[in-house]
Amino acid sequence: MFGIPYLISAVASPILGKAIDKVGKRALFVTISSFLLIIAFTTSAFLPDTPGSKLEIIPLVIIGIAYSVYCSAIWGSIPYAVTPQTVGTAFGICTAIQNIGLVIAPTLVARIKTHTTKGYGYFWVMMFFVAVNCIGFCCNAYLYYIDIKYYDGVLDKVDQGDTVEELLTSPKEGRRELIKKSQSKSMARQSLLDYKLDSSSRNTLKKSMATRQNR
C-alpha cells in the first residue's frame, strides 16, 4: 500500500512534466503541491483507527499526485533560474540539499514515533510532516511572489525552443542581458555578442567598411 505514491509518480510524472512544459507556472505548481501534501498528511493523522480499513489509500493517492507535481515543477525550474554554465552545479546543489533532508528527516521521525503514543506514535509523525509542508508552502508562495514581482515571472514562462543563434540575431525583449551574461567569456567574444545583439553597432561597422571601400 505504501508503494502507491511511487506508482502514481512513475505514471504521472512524465505526463505532468509535459503539461508543465506547455503551460509554465512552475512556482505556482510547486506551491499547489505543498498544499496537497498538507491536506494528505492532515487527513492521514485524523483517520479513524479501524483494522482492515482502506481509507489510508486516499491520502496516499494525494501524496502521489503532489509528489509528481512537485518533482515535475521544481526540477524543471532550475534551468530557468541559473545561467547555462551553472546548470550542472545547480542540479548538484539541489540534490545535495535533498539528500541532507533525507538523512535528517528519518531520524527525527523515528524519535517522534518512539517518544509518543497517540495513534501508536504515528499521529505526531503526521503532524511533523504537516508542519514541514506548511513551512514549504510559505516558502513556495514567497518564491511565487518574488518571481512575479522582481523577475518578470521567469518560472511562469514557456520555453519557445529558440536556438542560441536565433536568440543572438533576434532576441526577444528582456533576454539580451541574460544572453550576454551566459555566453560571453572574453573581451573578443563580448564584442562579437555586442555586434550581434546591437543593430546600431552593425550599422556603424557597415558604414565604416563602406567608407574604406570608397577611398
N, C-alpha and C. Protein backbone atom coordinates (compact mmCIF):
# COMPACT_ATOMS: atom_id res chain seq x y z
N MET A 1 0.83 -1.21 0.00
CA MET A 1 0.00 0.00 0.00
C MET A 1 0.87 1.27 0.00
N PHE A 2 1.99 1.23 0.72
CA PHE A 2 2.82 2.43 0.81
C PHE A 2 3.66 2.66 -0.45
N GLY A 3 3.54 1.76 -1.41
CA GLY A 3 4.15 2.00 -2.71
C GLY A 3 3.26 2.78 -3.66
N ILE A 4 2.03 3.08 -3.22
CA ILE A 4 1.08 3.80 -4.08
C ILE A 4 1.61 5.15 -4.55
N PRO A 5 2.18 6.00 -3.66
CA PRO A 5 2.68 7.29 -4.15
C PRO A 5 3.74 7.16 -5.24
N TYR A 6 4.62 6.16 -5.10
CA TYR A 6 5.69 5.98 -6.09
C TYR A 6 5.14 5.42 -7.40
N LEU A 7 4.12 4.56 -7.31
CA LEU A 7 3.49 4.03 -8.51
C LEU A 7 2.80 5.16 -9.28
N ILE A 8 2.09 6.02 -8.55
CA ILE A 8 1.42 7.15 -9.19
C ILE A 8 2.45 8.09 -9.81
N SER A 9 3.53 8.34 -9.08
CA SER A 9 4.57 9.23 -9.58
C SER A 9 5.22 8.67 -10.84
N ALA A 10 5.44 7.35 -10.88
CA ALA A 10 6.06 6.73 -12.04
C ALA A 10 5.22 6.92 -13.30
N VAL A 11 3.89 6.89 -13.12
CA VAL A 11 2.98 7.04 -14.27
C VAL A 11 2.73 8.50 -14.59
N ALA A 12 2.51 9.32 -13.54
CA ALA A 12 2.04 10.68 -13.75
C ALA A 12 3.14 11.70 -14.01
N SER A 13 4.34 11.48 -13.50
CA SER A 13 5.39 12.50 -13.61
C SER A 13 5.71 12.88 -15.06
N PRO A 14 5.89 11.92 -15.98
CA PRO A 14 6.16 12.33 -17.37
C PRO A 14 5.01 13.13 -17.99
N ILE A 15 3.77 12.75 -17.66
CA ILE A 15 2.61 13.45 -18.20
C ILE A 15 2.53 14.86 -17.64
N LEU A 16 2.71 14.99 -16.33
CA LEU A 16 2.67 16.31 -15.70
C LEU A 16 3.84 17.16 -16.16
N GLY A 17 5.01 16.54 -16.33
CA GLY A 17 6.17 17.28 -16.83
C GLY A 17 5.90 17.87 -18.19
N LYS A 18 5.29 17.09 -19.08
CA LYS A 18 4.93 17.58 -20.42
C LYS A 18 3.92 18.71 -20.33
N ALA A 19 2.94 18.58 -19.43
CA ALA A 19 1.94 19.62 -19.26
C ALA A 19 2.55 20.92 -18.75
N ILE A 20 3.47 20.80 -17.78
CA ILE A 20 4.11 21.99 -17.23
C ILE A 20 4.99 22.67 -18.28
N ASP A 21 5.63 21.87 -19.14
CA ASP A 21 6.41 22.46 -20.24
C ASP A 21 5.52 23.28 -21.16
N LYS A 22 4.26 22.88 -21.27
CA LYS A 22 3.33 23.58 -22.17
C LYS A 22 2.74 24.85 -21.55
N VAL A 23 2.47 24.81 -20.24
CA VAL A 23 1.76 25.93 -19.60
C VAL A 23 2.64 26.79 -18.70
N GLY A 24 3.84 26.30 -18.30
CA GLY A 24 4.68 27.07 -17.38
C GLY A 24 4.11 27.01 -15.96
N LYS A 25 4.08 28.17 -15.30
CA LYS A 25 3.51 28.29 -13.94
C LYS A 25 4.19 27.35 -12.94
N ARG A 26 5.51 27.22 -13.03
CA ARG A 26 6.21 26.25 -12.20
C ARG A 26 6.13 26.58 -10.72
N ALA A 27 6.36 27.85 -10.35
CA ALA A 27 6.29 28.23 -8.93
C ALA A 27 4.90 28.00 -8.37
N LEU A 28 3.88 28.25 -9.19
CA LEU A 28 2.50 28.02 -8.74
C LEU A 28 2.25 26.54 -8.51
N PHE A 29 2.73 25.69 -9.41
CA PHE A 29 2.53 24.25 -9.25
C PHE A 29 3.27 23.72 -8.02
N VAL A 30 4.46 24.24 -7.74
CA VAL A 30 5.19 23.82 -6.54
C VAL A 30 4.40 24.20 -5.29
N THR A 31 3.82 25.39 -5.30
CA THR A 31 3.01 25.84 -4.16
C THR A 31 1.78 24.95 -3.98
N ILE A 32 1.14 24.61 -5.10
CA ILE A 32 -0.04 23.73 -5.04
C ILE A 32 0.34 22.36 -4.48
N SER A 33 1.50 21.84 -4.87
CA SER A 33 1.92 20.53 -4.37
C SER A 33 2.09 20.54 -2.86
N SER A 34 2.64 21.63 -2.32
CA SER A 34 2.78 21.74 -0.85
C SER A 34 1.42 21.74 -0.17
N PHE A 35 0.47 22.44 -0.77
CA PHE A 35 -0.89 22.49 -0.21
C PHE A 35 -1.52 21.10 -0.22
N LEU A 36 -1.33 20.36 -1.30
CA LEU A 36 -1.88 19.00 -1.38
C LEU A 36 -1.26 18.09 -0.33
N LEU A 37 0.04 18.26 -0.07
CA LEU A 37 0.69 17.45 0.95
C LEU A 37 0.18 17.76 2.34
N ILE A 38 -0.11 19.02 2.61
CA ILE A 38 -0.71 19.40 3.90
C ILE A 38 -2.04 18.70 4.09
N ILE A 39 -2.86 18.70 3.03
CA ILE A 39 -4.16 18.03 3.09
C ILE A 39 -3.98 16.53 3.32
N ALA A 40 -3.03 15.93 2.61
CA ALA A 40 -2.83 14.48 2.69
C ALA A 40 -2.39 14.06 4.10
N PHE A 41 -1.41 14.73 4.67
CA PHE A 41 -0.89 14.33 5.97
C PHE A 41 -1.87 14.66 7.09
N THR A 42 -2.61 15.75 6.95
CA THR A 42 -3.65 16.07 7.94
C THR A 42 -4.75 15.02 7.92
N THR A 43 -5.16 14.63 6.72
CA THR A 43 -6.18 13.57 6.58
C THR A 43 -5.69 12.27 7.20
N SER A 44 -4.44 11.91 6.93
CA SER A 44 -3.89 10.68 7.46
C SER A 44 -3.83 10.69 8.99
N ALA A 45 -3.51 11.85 9.56
CA ALA A 45 -3.40 11.96 11.02
C ALA A 45 -4.73 11.75 11.73
N PHE A 46 -5.81 12.15 11.08
CA PHE A 46 -7.12 12.09 11.75
C PHE A 46 -8.01 10.97 11.24
N LEU A 47 -7.47 10.06 10.46
CA LEU A 47 -8.26 8.91 10.03
C LEU A 47 -8.58 8.02 11.23
N PRO A 48 -9.75 7.43 11.27
CA PRO A 48 -10.09 6.54 12.40
C PRO A 48 -9.22 5.29 12.39
N ASP A 49 -8.88 4.82 13.57
CA ASP A 49 -8.03 3.63 13.72
C ASP A 49 -8.92 2.40 13.62
N THR A 50 -9.21 2.00 12.38
CA THR A 50 -10.10 0.86 12.14
C THR A 50 -9.32 -0.25 11.46
N PRO A 51 -9.22 -1.42 12.10
CA PRO A 51 -8.47 -2.53 11.48
C PRO A 51 -9.05 -2.92 10.12
N GLY A 52 -8.19 -3.10 9.14
CA GLY A 52 -8.62 -3.51 7.81
C GLY A 52 -9.18 -2.39 6.96
N SER A 53 -9.17 -1.16 7.48
CA SER A 53 -9.71 -0.04 6.72
C SER A 53 -8.80 0.31 5.55
N LYS A 54 -9.44 0.65 4.43
CA LYS A 54 -8.71 1.04 3.23
C LYS A 54 -8.69 2.56 3.04
N LEU A 55 -9.13 3.30 4.06
CA LEU A 55 -9.21 4.76 3.93
C LEU A 55 -7.84 5.40 3.76
N GLU A 56 -6.77 4.74 4.24
CA GLU A 56 -5.42 5.30 4.13
C GLU A 56 -4.99 5.44 2.67
N ILE A 57 -5.68 4.74 1.78
CA ILE A 57 -5.37 4.86 0.35
C ILE A 57 -5.60 6.29 -0.13
N ILE A 58 -6.58 6.98 0.42
CA ILE A 58 -6.93 8.34 -0.04
C ILE A 58 -5.75 9.31 0.14
N PRO A 59 -5.19 9.45 1.38
CA PRO A 59 -4.04 10.36 1.50
C PRO A 59 -2.82 9.88 0.71
N LEU A 60 -2.66 8.57 0.55
CA LEU A 60 -1.52 8.06 -0.22
C LEU A 60 -1.64 8.46 -1.70
N VAL A 61 -2.85 8.43 -2.22
CA VAL A 61 -3.07 8.87 -3.61
C VAL A 61 -2.77 10.36 -3.74
N ILE A 62 -3.23 11.14 -2.77
CA ILE A 62 -2.97 12.59 -2.81
C ILE A 62 -1.46 12.87 -2.74
N ILE A 63 -0.76 12.12 -1.88
CA ILE A 63 0.69 12.27 -1.78
C ILE A 63 1.35 11.95 -3.12
N GLY A 64 0.90 10.89 -3.78
CA GLY A 64 1.46 10.52 -5.08
C GLY A 64 1.27 11.62 -6.12
N ILE A 65 0.08 12.21 -6.15
CA ILE A 65 -0.19 13.30 -7.10
C ILE A 65 0.67 14.51 -6.77
N ALA A 66 0.72 14.87 -5.48
CA ALA A 66 1.50 16.04 -5.06
C ALA A 66 2.98 15.85 -5.35
N TYR A 67 3.48 14.66 -5.09
CA TYR A 67 4.90 14.37 -5.35
C TYR A 67 5.21 14.48 -6.84
N SER A 68 4.31 14.00 -7.67
CA SER A 68 4.50 14.08 -9.12
C SER A 68 4.54 15.53 -9.59
N VAL A 69 3.61 16.33 -9.08
CA VAL A 69 3.56 17.75 -9.45
C VAL A 69 4.83 18.46 -8.99
N TYR A 70 5.23 18.18 -7.76
CA TYR A 70 6.40 18.85 -7.19
C TYR A 70 7.67 18.54 -7.99
N CYS A 71 7.90 17.26 -8.25
CA CYS A 71 9.12 16.87 -8.97
C CYS A 71 9.15 17.47 -10.37
N SER A 72 8.02 17.41 -11.06
CA SER A 72 7.97 17.93 -12.43
C SER A 72 8.22 19.43 -12.46
N ALA A 73 7.71 20.14 -11.46
CA ALA A 73 7.83 21.60 -11.46
C ALA A 73 9.18 22.08 -10.92
N ILE A 74 9.65 21.49 -9.81
CA ILE A 74 10.84 22.02 -9.16
C ILE A 74 12.10 21.75 -9.98
N TRP A 75 12.24 20.54 -10.51
CA TRP A 75 13.44 20.23 -11.29
C TRP A 75 13.43 20.97 -12.62
N GLY A 76 12.23 21.18 -13.17
CA GLY A 76 12.13 21.93 -14.41
C GLY A 76 12.39 23.41 -14.25
N SER A 77 12.39 23.90 -13.01
CA SER A 77 12.61 25.32 -12.75
C SER A 77 14.08 25.71 -12.75
N ILE A 78 14.95 24.74 -12.48
CA ILE A 78 16.36 25.05 -12.28
C ILE A 78 17.00 25.72 -13.49
N PRO A 79 16.82 25.20 -14.72
CA PRO A 79 17.45 25.87 -15.87
C PRO A 79 16.96 27.29 -16.12
N TYR A 80 15.77 27.61 -15.60
CA TYR A 80 15.24 28.97 -15.77
C TYR A 80 15.81 29.94 -14.73
N ALA A 81 16.39 29.40 -13.66
CA ALA A 81 16.82 30.24 -12.55
C ALA A 81 18.31 30.53 -12.55
N VAL A 82 19.09 29.80 -13.36
CA VAL A 82 20.54 29.99 -13.38
C VAL A 82 21.02 30.14 -14.82
N THR A 83 22.25 30.59 -14.97
CA THR A 83 22.83 30.72 -16.31
C THR A 83 23.21 29.33 -16.83
N PRO A 84 23.30 29.16 -18.17
CA PRO A 84 23.57 27.84 -18.74
C PRO A 84 24.85 27.19 -18.22
N GLN A 85 25.89 28.01 -17.92
CA GLN A 85 27.15 27.41 -17.46
C GLN A 85 27.05 26.78 -16.08
N THR A 86 26.02 27.14 -15.31
CA THR A 86 25.93 26.67 -13.92
C THR A 86 24.77 25.71 -13.69
N VAL A 87 24.15 25.20 -14.76
CA VAL A 87 23.01 24.29 -14.60
C VAL A 87 23.42 23.02 -13.86
N GLY A 88 24.56 22.43 -14.24
CA GLY A 88 25.03 21.22 -13.57
C GLY A 88 25.30 21.44 -12.10
N THR A 89 25.93 22.58 -11.80
CA THR A 89 26.21 22.93 -10.40
C THR A 89 24.91 23.09 -9.62
N ALA A 90 23.93 23.76 -10.22
CA ALA A 90 22.64 23.99 -9.56
C ALA A 90 21.93 22.68 -9.27
N PHE A 91 21.94 21.75 -10.24
CA PHE A 91 21.32 20.44 -10.00
C PHE A 91 22.06 19.70 -8.89
N GLY A 92 23.39 19.82 -8.87
CA GLY A 92 24.17 19.16 -7.83
C GLY A 92 23.85 19.69 -6.45
N ILE A 93 23.75 21.03 -6.32
CA ILE A 93 23.43 21.64 -5.03
C ILE A 93 22.04 21.22 -4.56
N CYS A 94 21.07 21.24 -5.49
CA CYS A 94 19.70 20.86 -5.13
C CYS A 94 19.63 19.39 -4.68
N THR A 95 20.36 18.54 -5.38
CA THR A 95 20.39 17.12 -5.00
C THR A 95 21.04 16.93 -3.63
N ALA A 96 22.11 17.70 -3.36
CA ALA A 96 22.78 17.62 -2.06
C ALA A 96 21.84 18.05 -0.93
N ILE A 97 21.12 19.15 -1.15
CA ILE A 97 20.16 19.63 -0.14
C ILE A 97 19.06 18.60 0.10
N GLN A 98 18.57 18.00 -1.00
CA GLN A 98 17.54 16.97 -0.88
C GLN A 98 18.04 15.79 -0.05
N ASN A 99 19.27 15.37 -0.31
CA ASN A 99 19.81 14.22 0.41
C ASN A 99 20.09 14.54 1.88
N ILE A 100 20.44 15.80 2.16
CA ILE A 100 20.59 16.21 3.57
C ILE A 100 19.25 16.04 4.29
N GLY A 101 18.18 16.46 3.62
CA GLY A 101 16.85 16.29 4.20
C GLY A 101 16.49 14.83 4.41
N LEU A 102 16.89 13.98 3.46
CA LEU A 102 16.60 12.55 3.57
C LEU A 102 17.41 11.88 4.67
N VAL A 103 18.51 12.52 5.08
CA VAL A 103 19.30 12.00 6.21
C VAL A 103 18.67 12.43 7.53
N ILE A 104 18.25 13.69 7.62
CA ILE A 104 17.76 14.25 8.88
C ILE A 104 16.33 13.79 9.19
N ALA A 105 15.44 13.83 8.18
CA ALA A 105 14.02 13.57 8.42
C ALA A 105 13.75 12.18 9.01
N PRO A 106 14.32 11.08 8.47
CA PRO A 106 14.02 9.77 9.07
C PRO A 106 14.44 9.67 10.54
N THR A 107 15.54 10.32 10.89
CA THR A 107 16.00 10.30 12.29
C THR A 107 14.99 11.00 13.20
N LEU A 108 14.50 12.16 12.73
CA LEU A 108 13.50 12.90 13.51
C LEU A 108 12.20 12.12 13.62
N VAL A 109 11.78 11.51 12.51
CA VAL A 109 10.55 10.73 12.50
C VAL A 109 10.66 9.55 13.47
N ALA A 110 11.80 8.88 13.49
CA ALA A 110 12.00 7.74 14.40
C ALA A 110 11.92 8.18 15.86
N ARG A 111 12.51 9.32 16.18
CA ARG A 111 12.48 9.82 17.56
C ARG A 111 11.06 10.21 17.97
N ILE A 112 10.33 10.85 17.05
CA ILE A 112 8.95 11.24 17.36
C ILE A 112 8.09 10.01 17.62
N LYS A 113 8.22 9.01 16.76
CA LYS A 113 7.41 7.79 16.92
C LYS A 113 7.78 7.05 18.21
N THR A 114 9.05 7.05 18.56
CA THR A 114 9.50 6.33 19.75
C THR A 114 9.01 7.00 21.03
N HIS A 115 8.95 8.33 21.03
CA HIS A 115 8.65 9.06 22.26
C HIS A 115 7.20 9.55 22.34
N THR A 116 6.34 9.11 21.43
CA THR A 116 4.91 9.47 21.51
C THR A 116 4.07 8.20 21.42
N THR A 117 2.84 8.29 21.92
CA THR A 117 1.98 7.10 21.95
C THR A 117 0.67 7.28 21.20
N LYS A 118 0.26 8.52 20.96
CA LYS A 118 -1.04 8.75 20.30
C LYS A 118 -1.02 8.19 18.89
N GLY A 119 -2.03 7.36 18.59
CA GLY A 119 -2.07 6.75 17.26
C GLY A 119 -0.89 5.84 17.02
N TYR A 120 -0.45 5.16 18.09
CA TYR A 120 0.73 4.27 18.03
C TYR A 120 1.99 5.02 17.59
N GLY A 121 2.03 6.29 17.90
CA GLY A 121 3.19 7.11 17.59
C GLY A 121 3.13 7.79 16.24
N TYR A 122 2.12 7.45 15.43
CA TYR A 122 2.07 7.99 14.06
C TYR A 122 1.37 9.34 13.97
N PHE A 123 0.54 9.68 14.98
CA PHE A 123 -0.18 10.95 14.91
C PHE A 123 0.79 12.12 14.84
N TRP A 124 1.75 12.17 15.75
CA TRP A 124 2.69 13.29 15.76
C TRP A 124 3.70 13.21 14.62
N VAL A 125 3.90 12.01 14.08
CA VAL A 125 4.72 11.90 12.86
C VAL A 125 4.02 12.62 11.72
N MET A 126 2.70 12.40 11.60
CA MET A 126 1.93 13.09 10.56
C MET A 126 1.93 14.60 10.80
N MET A 127 1.84 15.00 12.07
CA MET A 127 1.85 16.42 12.39
C MET A 127 3.21 17.05 12.05
N PHE A 128 4.26 16.27 12.21
CA PHE A 128 5.59 16.74 11.82
C PHE A 128 5.63 17.03 10.33
N PHE A 129 5.09 16.11 9.53
CA PHE A 129 5.07 16.31 8.08
C PHE A 129 4.15 17.47 7.69
N VAL A 130 3.06 17.65 8.43
CA VAL A 130 2.19 18.81 8.18
C VAL A 130 2.96 20.11 8.43
N ALA A 131 3.70 20.16 9.53
CA ALA A 131 4.47 21.36 9.87
C ALA A 131 5.53 21.65 8.81
N VAL A 132 6.24 20.59 8.37
CA VAL A 132 7.26 20.77 7.34
C VAL A 132 6.65 21.32 6.06
N ASN A 133 5.50 20.78 5.68
CA ASN A 133 4.87 21.23 4.45
C ASN A 133 4.22 22.60 4.58
N CYS A 134 3.84 22.99 5.79
CA CYS A 134 3.36 24.36 6.00
C CYS A 134 4.51 25.35 5.77
N ILE A 135 5.69 25.00 6.27
CA ILE A 135 6.87 25.84 6.03
C ILE A 135 7.17 25.88 4.54
N GLY A 136 7.11 24.70 3.90
CA GLY A 136 7.35 24.64 2.46
C GLY A 136 6.35 25.44 1.67
N PHE A 137 5.09 25.39 2.09
CA PHE A 137 4.04 26.17 1.40
C PHE A 137 4.32 27.66 1.49
N CYS A 138 4.71 28.14 2.66
CA CYS A 138 5.03 29.56 2.83
C CYS A 138 6.23 29.96 1.98
N CYS A 139 7.26 29.11 1.97
CA CYS A 139 8.45 29.41 1.15
C CYS A 139 8.12 29.42 -0.33
N ASN A 140 7.31 28.46 -0.77
CA ASN A 140 6.94 28.38 -2.18
C ASN A 140 6.04 29.54 -2.61
N ALA A 141 5.13 29.93 -1.71
CA ALA A 141 4.28 31.08 -2.01
C ALA A 141 5.11 32.35 -2.12
N TYR A 142 6.12 32.48 -1.26
CA TYR A 142 7.01 33.64 -1.33
C TYR A 142 7.84 33.60 -2.61
N LEU A 143 8.30 32.41 -2.99
CA LEU A 143 9.02 32.26 -4.26
C LEU A 143 8.16 32.71 -5.43
N TYR A 144 6.90 32.31 -5.42
CA TYR A 144 5.98 32.72 -6.49
C TYR A 144 5.82 34.23 -6.52
N TYR A 145 5.74 34.83 -5.34
CA TYR A 145 5.57 36.29 -5.24
C TYR A 145 6.79 37.03 -5.79
N ILE A 146 7.99 36.65 -5.35
CA ILE A 146 9.18 37.38 -5.80
C ILE A 146 9.48 37.11 -7.28
N ASP A 147 9.10 35.92 -7.76
CA ASP A 147 9.30 35.63 -9.18
C ASP A 147 8.43 36.56 -10.04
N ILE A 148 7.19 36.76 -9.62
CA ILE A 148 6.29 37.64 -10.37
C ILE A 148 6.70 39.10 -10.23
N LYS A 149 7.06 39.51 -9.00
CA LYS A 149 7.30 40.92 -8.72
C LYS A 149 8.66 41.41 -9.22
N TYR A 150 9.69 40.59 -9.04
CA TYR A 150 11.05 41.06 -9.31
C TYR A 150 11.73 40.41 -10.52
N TYR A 151 11.22 39.26 -10.98
CA TYR A 151 11.90 38.55 -12.06
C TYR A 151 11.01 38.33 -13.29
N ASP A 152 9.96 39.13 -13.39
CA ASP A 152 9.10 39.10 -14.57
C ASP A 152 8.50 37.72 -14.82
N GLY A 153 8.27 36.97 -13.74
CA GLY A 153 7.63 35.66 -13.87
C GLY A 153 8.40 34.67 -14.71
N VAL A 154 9.74 34.62 -14.51
CA VAL A 154 10.55 33.73 -15.34
C VAL A 154 10.15 32.26 -15.18
N LEU A 155 9.69 31.88 -13.98
CA LEU A 155 9.28 30.50 -13.76
C LEU A 155 7.89 30.22 -14.32
N ASP A 156 7.18 31.27 -14.72
CA ASP A 156 5.87 31.09 -15.35
C ASP A 156 5.98 30.90 -16.85
N LYS A 157 7.13 31.23 -17.40
CA LYS A 157 7.25 31.28 -18.85
C LYS A 157 7.35 29.89 -19.46
N VAL A 158 7.04 29.83 -20.75
CA VAL A 158 7.12 28.60 -21.51
C VAL A 158 8.26 28.73 -22.51
N ASP A 159 9.16 27.74 -22.51
CA ASP A 159 10.29 27.76 -23.43
C ASP A 159 9.78 27.61 -24.86
N GLN A 160 10.15 28.57 -25.72
CA GLN A 160 9.70 28.56 -27.11
C GLN A 160 10.61 27.73 -28.01
N GLY A 161 11.68 27.16 -27.44
CA GLY A 161 12.56 26.32 -28.23
C GLY A 161 13.49 27.09 -29.13
N ASP A 162 13.76 28.37 -28.80
CA ASP A 162 14.67 29.16 -29.62
C ASP A 162 16.08 28.59 -29.57
N THR A 163 16.77 28.60 -30.69
CA THR A 163 18.16 28.20 -30.71
C THR A 163 19.02 29.36 -30.28
N VAL A 164 20.27 29.09 -29.92
CA VAL A 164 21.17 30.16 -29.49
C VAL A 164 21.36 31.18 -30.60
N GLU A 165 21.50 30.71 -31.85
CA GLU A 165 21.71 31.63 -32.97
C GLU A 165 20.50 32.54 -33.17
N GLU A 166 19.27 31.97 -33.02
CA GLU A 166 18.06 32.79 -33.15
C GLU A 166 18.00 33.84 -32.05
N LEU A 167 18.39 33.45 -30.84
CA LEU A 167 18.37 34.40 -29.73
C LEU A 167 19.39 35.51 -29.93
N LEU A 168 20.54 35.17 -30.53
CA LEU A 168 21.59 36.16 -30.72
C LEU A 168 21.23 37.16 -31.81
N THR A 169 20.63 36.67 -32.89
CA THR A 169 20.34 37.55 -34.02
C THR A 169 19.04 38.34 -33.84
N SER A 170 18.07 37.76 -33.15
CA SER A 170 16.81 38.48 -32.94
C SER A 170 16.22 38.14 -31.58
N PRO A 171 16.92 38.50 -30.50
CA PRO A 171 16.44 38.15 -29.15
C PRO A 171 15.17 38.89 -28.79
N LYS A 172 14.35 38.24 -28.01
CA LYS A 172 13.13 38.88 -27.54
C LYS A 172 13.44 39.86 -26.42
N GLU A 173 12.51 40.74 -26.16
CA GLU A 173 12.68 41.77 -25.15
C GLU A 173 12.97 41.12 -23.79
N GLY A 174 13.97 41.64 -23.11
CA GLY A 174 14.29 41.16 -21.77
C GLY A 174 15.28 40.01 -21.73
N ARG A 175 15.73 39.53 -22.91
CA ARG A 175 16.64 38.39 -22.92
C ARG A 175 18.06 38.78 -23.32
N ARG A 176 18.27 40.02 -23.71
CA ARG A 176 19.59 40.43 -24.17
C ARG A 176 20.64 40.31 -23.07
N GLU A 177 20.33 40.83 -21.88
CA GLU A 177 21.30 40.80 -20.78
C GLU A 177 21.59 39.37 -20.35
N LEU A 178 20.54 38.52 -20.34
CA LEU A 178 20.74 37.13 -19.97
C LEU A 178 21.67 36.43 -20.95
N ILE A 179 21.49 36.72 -22.24
CA ILE A 179 22.34 36.11 -23.26
C ILE A 179 23.78 36.56 -23.08
N LYS A 180 23.97 37.86 -22.84
CA LYS A 180 25.32 38.39 -22.66
C LYS A 180 26.03 37.71 -21.49
N LYS A 181 25.32 37.59 -20.38
CA LYS A 181 25.92 37.00 -19.18
C LYS A 181 26.26 35.53 -19.39
N SER A 182 25.38 34.81 -20.08
CA SER A 182 25.54 33.37 -20.21
C SER A 182 26.51 32.96 -21.32
N GLN A 183 26.71 33.83 -22.31
CA GLN A 183 27.51 33.44 -23.46
C GLN A 183 28.90 34.06 -23.50
N SER A 184 29.08 35.24 -22.91
CA SER A 184 30.37 35.93 -23.05
C SER A 184 31.37 35.43 -22.01
N LYS A 185 32.60 35.14 -22.45
CA LYS A 185 33.67 34.71 -21.55
C LYS A 185 34.97 35.45 -21.81
N SER A 186 35.01 36.27 -22.85
CA SER A 186 36.22 37.01 -23.16
C SER A 186 35.82 38.32 -23.81
N MET A 187 36.79 39.25 -23.87
CA MET A 187 36.52 40.55 -24.48
C MET A 187 36.17 40.40 -25.95
N ALA A 188 36.89 39.51 -26.65
CA ALA A 188 36.63 39.33 -28.08
C ALA A 188 35.24 38.75 -28.30
N ARG A 189 34.87 37.78 -27.47
CA ARG A 189 33.55 37.19 -27.60
C ARG A 189 32.46 38.18 -27.23
N GLN A 190 32.74 39.01 -26.21
CA GLN A 190 31.78 40.03 -25.82
C GLN A 190 31.55 41.02 -26.95
N SER A 191 32.62 41.40 -27.65
CA SER A 191 32.49 42.33 -28.77
C SER A 191 31.64 41.73 -29.88
N LEU A 192 31.83 40.42 -30.12
CA LEU A 192 31.02 39.75 -31.13
C LEU A 192 29.56 39.70 -30.74
N LEU A 193 29.31 39.46 -29.44
CA LEU A 193 27.94 39.45 -28.96
C LEU A 193 27.29 40.82 -29.08
N ASP A 194 28.04 41.86 -28.72
CA ASP A 194 27.52 43.22 -28.85
C ASP A 194 27.14 43.52 -30.30
N TYR A 195 27.99 43.02 -31.22
CA TYR A 195 27.73 43.24 -32.64
C TYR A 195 26.43 42.54 -33.05
N LYS A 196 26.24 41.31 -32.58
CA LYS A 196 25.06 40.54 -32.97
C LYS A 196 23.78 41.06 -32.31
N LEU A 197 23.92 41.55 -31.09
CA LEU A 197 22.74 41.98 -30.34
C LEU A 197 22.34 43.42 -30.62
N ASP A 198 23.27 44.24 -31.04
CA ASP A 198 23.01 45.67 -31.20
C ASP A 198 23.02 46.05 -32.68
N SER A 199 21.85 46.39 -33.22
CA SER A 199 21.76 46.73 -34.64
C SER A 199 22.55 48.00 -34.96
N SER A 200 22.65 48.94 -34.03
CA SER A 200 23.40 50.18 -34.28
C SER A 200 24.89 49.88 -34.46
N SER A 201 25.41 48.89 -33.70
CA SER A 201 26.81 48.50 -33.86
C SER A 201 27.05 47.92 -35.24
N ARG A 202 26.11 47.12 -35.73
CA ARG A 202 26.26 46.55 -37.07
C ARG A 202 26.21 47.63 -38.13
N ASN A 203 25.30 48.58 -37.98
CA ASN A 203 25.19 49.67 -38.96
C ASN A 203 26.45 50.54 -38.98
N THR A 204 27.00 50.79 -37.79
CA THR A 204 28.23 51.58 -37.71
C THR A 204 29.37 50.89 -38.42
N LEU A 205 29.49 49.57 -38.19
CA LEU A 205 30.56 48.82 -38.84
C LEU A 205 30.39 48.79 -40.36
N LYS A 206 29.15 48.64 -40.81
CA LYS A 206 28.89 48.62 -42.25
C LYS A 206 29.26 49.95 -42.90
N LYS A 207 28.91 51.07 -42.23
CA LYS A 207 29.25 52.39 -42.76
C LYS A 207 30.76 52.59 -42.81
N SER A 208 31.44 52.10 -41.75
CA SER A 208 32.90 52.24 -41.70
C SER A 208 33.55 51.45 -42.84
N MET A 209 33.05 50.25 -43.11
CA MET A 209 33.62 49.43 -44.19
C MET A 209 33.32 50.04 -45.55
N ALA A 210 32.11 50.62 -45.70
CA ALA A 210 31.76 51.25 -46.97
C ALA A 210 32.64 52.46 -47.24
N THR A 211 32.94 53.24 -46.17
CA THR A 211 33.80 54.42 -46.32
C THR A 211 35.18 54.02 -46.76
N ARG A 212 35.72 52.93 -46.20
CA ARG A 212 37.06 52.47 -46.55
C ARG A 212 37.12 52.01 -48.03
N GLN A 213 36.03 51.35 -48.45
CA GLN A 213 36.00 50.85 -49.83
C GLN A 213 35.93 51.99 -50.84
N ASN A 214 35.31 53.12 -50.48
CA ASN A 214 35.16 54.26 -51.39
C ASN A 214 36.43 55.07 -51.52
N ARG A 215 37.36 54.88 -50.58
CA ARG A 215 38.60 55.66 -50.65
C ARG A 215 39.52 55.16 -51.76
